[in-house]
């Protein structure tokens, strides 16, 4: 499950990508979460880039909402 959102400042906008994938180890399911910046010219995701866009609170609250969405989806599937 992938999610995209924008990190915005007056001078620039950076597209952020959050990807989640279920993993299984010894019968226990957990989710791997990857967070990165999307490079629009190549469609590549950079997991190491530091954008320093000064909107950390927005980014963290967006990621928290995404985590809740992923967990809700997982709980509905496992019933």
Protein backbone atom coordinates (compact mmCIF):
# COMPACT_ATOMS: atom_id res chain seq x y z
CA UNK A 1 0.00 0.00 0.00
CA UNK A 2 1.57 3.32 -1.05
CA UNK A 3 0.60 6.86 -0.09
CA UNK A 4 1.76 10.21 -1.47
CA UNK A 5 1.50 13.71 -0.03
CA UNK A 6 3.15 17.10 -0.54
CA UNK A 7 5.55 18.85 1.80
CA UNK A 8 5.02 22.52 0.99
CA UNK A 9 6.93 25.73 1.55
CA UNK A 10 6.39 29.02 -0.23
CA UNK A 11 9.37 28.41 -2.52
CA UNK A 12 9.06 24.68 -3.20
CA UNK A 13 6.94 21.56 -2.92
CA UNK A 14 8.42 18.13 -2.27
CA UNK A 15 6.39 15.02 -2.99
CA UNK A 16 6.68 12.51 -0.15
CA UNK A 17 5.98 8.80 -0.50
CA UNK A 18 5.11 6.37 2.28
CA UNK A 19 5.04 2.70 1.37
CA UNK A 20 3.96 -0.16 3.57
CA UNK A 21 4.30 -3.85 2.93
CA UNK A 22 3.24 -6.76 5.11
CA UNK A 23 6.02 -9.09 6.24
CA UNK A 24 5.74 -12.43 8.01
CA UNK A 25 8.23 -13.90 10.46
CA UNK A 26 7.50 -17.11 12.35
CA UNK A 27 3.75 -16.71 11.89
CA UNK A 28 3.71 -13.08 13.05
CA UNK A 29 2.70 -10.41 10.57
CA UNK A 30 4.24 -6.97 10.82
CA UNK A 31 4.49 -4.05 8.42
CA UNK A 32 7.60 -2.54 6.93
CA UNK A 33 7.19 1.22 6.48
CA UNK A 34 9.35 3.22 4.05
CA UNK A 35 9.32 7.02 3.88
CA UNK A 36 11.06 9.01 1.17
CA UNK A 37 11.09 11.90 -1.29
CA UNK A 38 9.87 11.28 -4.83
CA UNK A 39 12.16 12.62 -7.55
CA UNK A 40 9.75 13.78 -10.23
CA UNK A 41 12.22 13.66 -13.12
CA UNK A 42 13.04 9.96 -12.60
CA UNK A 43 10.12 8.69 -10.47
CA UNK A 44 12.75 7.32 -8.08
CA UNK A 45 12.27 7.44 -4.31
CA UNK A 46 15.13 8.72 -2.20
CA UNK A 47 15.12 7.30 1.32
CA UNK A 48 18.34 9.08 2.31
CA UNK A 49 17.67 12.64 1.15
CA UNK A 50 17.19 15.35 3.79
CA UNK A 51 14.82 17.97 2.47
CA UNK A 52 14.70 20.13 5.65
CA UNK A 53 11.40 21.64 4.53
CA UNK A 54 10.57 22.78 8.08
CA UNK A 55 7.17 21.11 8.23
CA UNK A 56 8.11 18.16 10.46
CA UNK A 57 4.86 18.31 12.45
CA UNK A 58 2.76 18.04 9.30
CA UNK A 59 4.88 15.18 8.00
CA UNK A 60 4.78 13.24 11.29
CA UNK A 61 1.03 13.71 11.72
CA UNK A 62 0.45 12.59 8.13
CA UNK A 63 2.59 9.49 8.70
CA UNK A 64 0.66 8.76 11.93
CA UNK A 65 -2.61 8.89 9.96
CA UNK A 66 -1.14 6.59 7.34
CA UNK A 67 -0.08 4.10 10.03
CA UNK A 68 -3.62 4.10 11.46
CA UNK A 69 -5.02 3.53 7.96
CA UNK A 70 -2.66 0.60 7.33
CA UNK A 71 -3.46 -0.97 10.71
CA UNK A 72 -7.22 -0.53 10.20
CA UNK A 73 -6.93 -2.16 6.78
CA UNK A 74 -4.88 -5.04 8.23
CA UNK A 75 -7.36 -5.63 11.06
CA UNK A 76 -10.30 -5.71 8.63
CA UNK A 77 -8.51 -8.28 6.47
CA UNK A 78 -7.68 -10.57 9.40
CA UNK A 79 -11.17 -10.11 10.79
